[in-house]
Amino acid sequence: MHILRLNCEDKPGIVAAVAGALAGASCNIEESAQFFDHLSGQFFMRVVFAVPDEKSLANFERTFEDVRSTYGMNAAITAADAPLKTLILVSKEDHCLNDLLYRWRTGHLNIEIAGVASNHETCRELVESRGLLFRHLPITPDTKLQQERSLRVIIEQSGAELVVLARYMQIMSEDFCRDYAGRVINIHHSFLPGFKGAKPYHQAYARGVKIIGATAHFATLDLDEGPIIEQDTMRVTHAHTPEKMQVLGRDTESRVLAKAIELYAQRRIFLHGARTIIL
């Protein structure tokens, strides 16, 4: 099974041209979704298709090049079952990391964890007990750029396609965000926009909020303002202390981050300016 993702300026005949190229190579469409954005005039499409053999796949790729050129498409073809190489970054809080390790171990996420890096030693035992590589990359204000250079080396050497900030409490530099745009997912402890800075659940309690939530988004130059991938909320009342809110919030954060990674691994996310299109 393979996945075709494409986007281009909307024109008549796109779906027919793609379907025709697949049929002509004896490929069978298993799933198809498309979306036309009226604001930008862009067309987005994701197709899951089966191929009888490698020769048919090669025939489709050759035929599709003409379709791609005709419509000026941005397009990619990926094996559907290929696990997504993923590097996880974490600080001290381990709830998101622990959840991802469980989902990875049980096959609920089609990812290959290339390793876990942290600016603290807190999670070393958890990671290494799962047979994974743990890298301790301490950081100070004076060594931030050097530490990021080490991260870049790890990403490139491991071949990681995705970097997950699983409660990694460091702000990535502008250069890092720009160079890895669309490849870094962060989890935020709020249904954005929301409470920023230290002790967010204490801030929420003080303001008497009635819902708490979490947002998974792409990391960008604007802190916690990147394109949103997934969000969820949970109702609370005056009876919930900050500690109770934190317990509920951690569960929501873990679920939302896992869902965002699942969508990414399934090649469903299209970056479109400050938004995401998810098919």
Protein backbone atom coordinates (compact mmCIF):
# COMPACT_ATOMS: atom_id res chain seq x y z
CA MET A 1 0.00 0.00 0.00
CA HIS A 2 1.22 3.50 -0.85
CA ILE A 3 0.09 7.05 -0.12
CA LEU A 4 0.01 9.87 -2.66
CA ARG A 5 -0.19 13.41 -1.32
CA LEU A 6 -0.51 16.43 -3.55
CA ASN A 7 -1.53 20.05 -3.67
CA CYS A 8 -1.69 22.58 -6.47
CA GLU A 9 -3.75 25.43 -7.88
CA ASP A 10 -7.26 24.14 -8.45
CA LYS A 11 -8.10 23.30 -12.06
CA PRO A 12 -10.67 21.04 -13.74
CA GLY A 13 -9.67 17.41 -14.20
CA ILE A 14 -7.21 16.87 -11.33
CA VAL A 15 -9.06 13.95 -9.73
CA ALA A 16 -9.69 12.33 -13.11
CA ALA A 17 -6.02 12.69 -14.12
CA VAL A 18 -4.79 11.12 -10.88
CA ALA A 19 -7.34 8.29 -11.03
CA GLY A 20 -6.51 7.66 -14.68
CA ALA A 21 -2.78 7.44 -13.98
CA LEU A 22 -3.42 4.96 -11.17
CA ALA A 23 -5.81 2.85 -13.25
CA GLY A 24 -3.46 2.87 -16.19
CA ALA A 25 -0.74 1.32 -14.01
CA SER A 26 -3.15 -1.32 -12.61
CA CYS A 27 -3.17 0.36 -9.19
CA ASN A 28 -6.31 0.21 -7.05
CA ILE A 29 -7.56 3.20 -5.01
CA GLU A 30 -8.31 2.10 -1.43
CA GLU A 31 -9.02 5.54 0.07
CA SER A 32 -9.27 9.04 -1.32
CA ALA A 33 -9.91 12.48 0.17
CA GLN A 34 -9.68 15.95 -1.34
CA PHE A 35 -10.32 19.54 -0.36
CA PHE A 36 -10.58 22.81 -2.24
CA ASP A 37 -9.68 25.91 -0.23
CA HIS A 38 -11.81 28.74 -1.57
CA LEU A 39 -9.68 31.38 0.13
CA SER A 40 -6.42 30.47 -1.58
CA GLY A 41 -7.61 28.54 -4.63
CA GLN A 42 -5.46 25.57 -3.63
CA PHE A 43 -6.53 21.96 -4.09
CA PHE A 44 -5.36 19.22 -1.71
CA MET A 45 -5.59 15.46 -2.21
CA ARG A 46 -4.53 12.29 -0.38
CA VAL A 47 -4.91 8.88 -2.00
CA VAL A 48 -4.13 5.46 -0.54
CA PHE A 49 -3.59 2.93 -3.32
CA ALA A 50 -2.54 -0.69 -3.74
CA VAL A 51 -0.08 -1.90 -6.36
CA PRO A 52 0.11 -5.47 -7.67
CA ASP A 53 3.91 -5.36 -8.01
CA GLU A 54 6.94 -3.06 -8.15
CA LYS A 55 6.67 -2.77 -11.92
CA SER A 56 3.18 -1.28 -11.60
CA LEU A 57 4.44 1.23 -9.04
CA ALA A 58 7.27 2.25 -11.35
CA ASN A 59 4.80 2.62 -14.23
CA PHE A 60 2.56 4.85 -12.12
CA GLU A 61 5.45 7.01 -10.95
CA ARG A 62 6.54 7.50 -14.56
CA THR A 63 3.01 8.35 -15.78
CA PHE A 64 2.31 10.57 -12.81
CA GLU A 65 5.29 12.78 -13.61
CA ASP A 66 3.36 14.08 -16.63
CA VAL A 67 0.31 14.76 -14.43
CA ARG A 68 2.45 16.50 -11.85
CA SER A 69 4.05 18.70 -14.48
CA THR A 70 0.76 19.54 -16.21
CA TYR A 71 -0.88 20.77 -13.00
CA GLY A 72 2.21 22.17 -11.27
CA MET A 73 1.72 19.88 -8.28
CA ASN A 74 3.67 19.55 -5.08
CA ALA A 75 3.45 15.80 -4.60
CA ALA A 76 5.01 12.87 -2.75
CA ILE A 77 4.52 9.10 -2.77
CA THR A 78 5.22 7.15 0.42
CA ALA A 79 4.93 3.52 1.45
CA ALA A 80 1.94 3.39 3.82
CA ASP A 81 3.46 0.87 6.20
CA ALA A 82 6.89 2.53 6.46
CA PRO A 83 7.32 3.60 10.11
CA LEU A 84 8.01 7.28 10.60
CA LYS A 85 11.49 7.86 12.05
CA THR A 86 10.92 10.03 15.10
CA LEU A 87 13.20 11.77 17.58
CA ILE A 88 11.61 12.66 20.92
CA LEU A 89 12.80 15.58 23.05
CA VAL A 90 11.79 15.76 26.71
CA SER A 91 12.75 17.67 29.86
CA LYS A 92 11.61 16.46 33.30
CA GLU A 93 7.89 15.73 32.93
CA ASP A 94 7.51 12.24 31.47
CA HIS A 95 3.74 11.76 30.99
CA CYS A 96 3.76 12.43 27.23
CA LEU A 97 6.97 10.43 26.72
CA ASN A 98 5.63 7.46 28.69
CA ASP A 99 2.39 7.49 26.69
CA LEU A 100 4.26 7.60 23.37
CA LEU A 101 6.54 4.74 24.42
CA TYR A 102 3.49 2.62 25.25
CA ARG A 103 1.74 3.41 21.96
CA TRP A 104 4.97 2.70 20.06
CA ARG A 105 5.56 -0.62 21.87
CA THR A 106 1.98 -1.80 21.29
CA GLY A 107 1.95 -0.78 17.64
CA HIS A 108 -0.67 1.94 18.05
CA LEU A 109 1.68 4.45 16.41
CA ASN A 110 3.45 3.60 13.17
CA ILE A 111 6.72 5.22 14.22
CA GLU A 112 10.32 4.16 14.66
CA ILE A 113 11.78 5.95 17.65
CA ALA A 114 15.28 7.01 16.63
CA GLY A 115 16.09 7.98 20.20
CA VAL A 116 15.20 10.34 23.02
CA ALA A 117 17.20 13.45 23.90
CA SER A 118 16.83 15.55 27.02
CA ASN A 119 18.40 18.47 28.80
CA HIS A 120 17.96 16.48 32.05
CA GLU A 121 18.80 12.95 33.19
CA THR A 122 15.34 12.40 34.69
CA CYS A 123 13.97 10.12 31.95
CA ARG A 124 17.09 8.07 31.23
CA GLU A 125 15.97 4.96 33.11
CA LEU A 126 12.51 5.02 31.51
CA VAL A 127 13.97 5.29 28.01
CA GLU A 128 16.80 2.80 28.36
CA SER A 129 14.48 0.23 29.99
CA ARG A 130 12.67 0.18 26.62
CA GLY A 131 15.91 -0.56 24.79
CA LEU A 132 16.10 2.91 23.26
CA LEU A 133 19.02 5.29 23.00
CA PHE A 134 18.98 8.18 25.50
CA ARG A 135 21.12 11.22 24.94
CA HIS A 136 21.70 13.78 27.68
CA LEU A 137 22.24 17.23 26.19
CA PRO A 138 22.52 19.71 29.07
CA ILE A 139 21.90 23.33 28.24
CA THR A 140 22.73 26.73 29.71
CA PRO A 141 22.16 30.20 28.26
CA ASP A 142 25.79 30.14 27.10
CA THR A 143 25.60 26.70 25.45
CA LYS A 144 22.17 26.89 23.79
CA LEU A 145 23.44 27.18 20.22
CA GLN A 146 26.02 24.45 20.79
CA GLN A 147 23.31 22.18 22.18
CA GLU A 148 21.12 22.82 19.15
CA ARG A 149 24.02 21.95 16.88
CA SER A 150 24.24 18.61 18.70
CA LEU A 151 20.51 18.12 18.12
CA ARG A 152 20.96 18.81 14.41
CA VAL A 153 23.67 16.15 14.22
CA ILE A 154 21.39 13.62 15.93
CA ILE A 155 18.50 14.42 13.57
CA GLU A 156 20.63 14.09 10.46
CA GLN A 157 22.52 10.97 11.55
CA SER A 158 19.35 9.18 12.70
CA GLY A 159 17.37 10.17 9.61
CA ALA A 160 14.52 11.40 11.81
CA GLU A 161 11.67 12.82 9.74
CA LEU A 162 9.81 14.14 12.77
CA VAL A 163 10.95 15.79 16.00
CA VAL A 164 8.48 15.66 18.89
CA LEU A 165 8.70 18.14 21.77
CA ALA A 166 7.12 15.94 24.45
CA ARG A 167 7.05 18.63 27.15
CA TYR A 168 10.52 19.77 26.18
CA MET A 169 10.80 23.00 28.12
CA GLN A 170 13.20 24.85 25.87
CA ILE A 171 12.49 27.47 23.22
CA MET A 172 13.92 26.46 19.85
CA SER A 173 15.93 29.09 18.00
CA GLU A 174 14.66 30.89 14.90
CA ASP A 175 17.19 29.06 12.72
CA PHE A 176 16.12 25.66 14.07
CA CYS A 177 12.41 26.39 13.54
CA ARG A 178 13.04 27.65 10.03
CA ASP A 179 15.32 24.77 8.98
CA TYR A 180 12.93 22.11 10.31
CA ALA A 181 9.65 23.82 9.46
CA GLY A 182 6.80 21.32 9.32
CA ARG A 183 8.88 18.63 11.05
CA VAL A 184 8.68 19.69 14.71
CA ILE A 185 5.50 19.07 16.72
CA ASN A 186 5.00 20.68 20.13
CA ILE A 187 2.36 20.04 22.78
CA HIS A 188 0.99 23.04 24.64
CA HIS A 189 -0.77 22.83 27.98
CA SER A 190 -3.75 24.83 26.86
CA PHE A 191 -6.55 25.09 24.35
CA LEU A 192 -4.71 27.88 22.54
CA PRO A 193 -4.64 30.76 22.97
CA GLY A 194 -4.33 30.38 26.73
CA PHE A 195 -2.20 30.74 29.81
CA LYS A 196 1.49 31.09 29.13
CA GLY A 197 4.51 30.88 31.38
CA ALA A 198 4.92 29.14 34.71
CA LYS A 199 2.18 27.20 36.51
CA PRO A 200 -0.52 27.37 33.81
CA TYR A 201 -3.00 25.28 35.82
CA HIS A 202 -2.64 27.60 38.80
CA GLN A 203 -3.36 30.52 36.47
CA ALA A 204 -6.41 28.68 35.12
CA TYR A 205 -7.66 27.95 38.65
CA ALA A 206 -7.24 31.58 39.66
CA ARG A 207 -9.33 32.68 36.68
CA GLY A 208 -12.06 30.12 37.39
CA VAL A 209 -11.91 28.42 34.00
CA LYS A 210 -14.61 25.91 33.08
CA ILE A 211 -12.60 24.01 30.47
CA ILE A 212 -8.97 23.02 30.22
CA GLY A 213 -7.33 21.56 27.17
CA ALA A 214 -4.25 20.91 25.10
CA THR A 215 -3.03 21.87 21.64
CA ALA A 216 -0.55 20.10 19.39
CA HIS A 217 0.98 22.41 16.82
CA PHE A 218 3.99 22.84 14.59
CA ALA A 219 6.85 24.77 16.18
CA THR A 220 7.49 28.11 14.49
CA LEU A 221 9.36 31.35 15.12
CA ASP A 222 6.32 32.65 17.02
CA LEU A 223 6.25 30.82 20.35
CA ASP A 224 3.12 28.63 20.70
CA GLU A 225 1.55 30.24 17.65
CA GLY A 226 2.35 27.58 15.04
CA PRO A 227 -0.20 25.86 12.76
CA ILE A 228 -2.57 23.80 14.90
CA ILE A 229 -2.78 20.06 14.27
CA GLU A 230 -5.02 18.74 17.06
CA GLN A 231 -6.88 20.09 20.10
CA ASP A 232 -9.08 18.71 22.85
CA THR A 233 -10.75 19.99 25.99
CA MET A 234 -12.15 18.73 29.28
CA ARG A 235 -14.72 20.38 31.53
CA VAL A 236 -13.74 21.34 35.08
CA THR A 237 -15.51 23.06 37.96
CA HIS A 238 -14.69 25.21 40.97
CA ALA A 239 -14.06 21.97 42.88
CA HIS A 240 -10.99 21.10 40.80
CA THR A 241 -7.80 22.20 42.53
CA PRO A 242 -4.74 23.13 40.44
CA GLU A 243 -3.34 19.70 41.24
CA LYS A 244 -6.48 17.94 39.96
CA MET A 245 -6.45 20.11 36.86
CA GLN A 246 -2.84 19.15 36.26
CA VAL A 247 -3.67 15.44 36.42
CA LEU A 248 -6.52 15.87 33.92
CA GLY A 249 -4.40 18.16 31.79
CA ARG A 250 -1.53 15.70 31.55
CA ASP A 251 -3.89 13.02 30.26
CA THR A 252 -5.29 15.43 27.66
CA GLU A 253 -1.81 16.52 26.60
CA SER A 254 -0.75 12.91 26.08
CA ARG A 255 -3.83 12.05 23.99
CA VAL A 256 -3.62 15.16 21.83
CA LEU A 257 0.09 14.76 21.14
CA ALA A 258 -0.35 11.08 20.23
CA LYS A 259 -3.18 11.96 17.84
CA ALA A 260 -1.07 14.62 16.14
CA ILE A 261 1.78 12.16 15.64
CA GLU A 262 -0.65 9.56 14.28
CA LEU A 263 -1.95 12.06 11.73
CA TYR A 264 1.61 12.95 10.72
CA ALA A 265 2.66 9.30 10.41
CA GLN A 266 -0.37 8.64 8.20
CA ARG A 267 0.69 11.53 5.96
CA ARG A 268 -2.61 13.32 6.49
CA ILE A 269 -1.32 16.79 7.36
CA PHE A 270 -0.79 19.53 4.78
CA LEU A 271 0.82 22.78 5.91
CA HIS A 272 -0.99 25.71 4.37
CA GLY A 273 0.35 29.02 5.60
CA ALA A 274 -0.63 29.45 9.25
CA ARG A 275 -3.16 26.59 9.01
CA THR A 276 -3.18 22.86 8.48
CA ILE A 277 -5.35 20.88 6.10
CA ILE A 278 -5.93 17.34 7.43
CA LEU A 279 -7.32 14.71 5.08
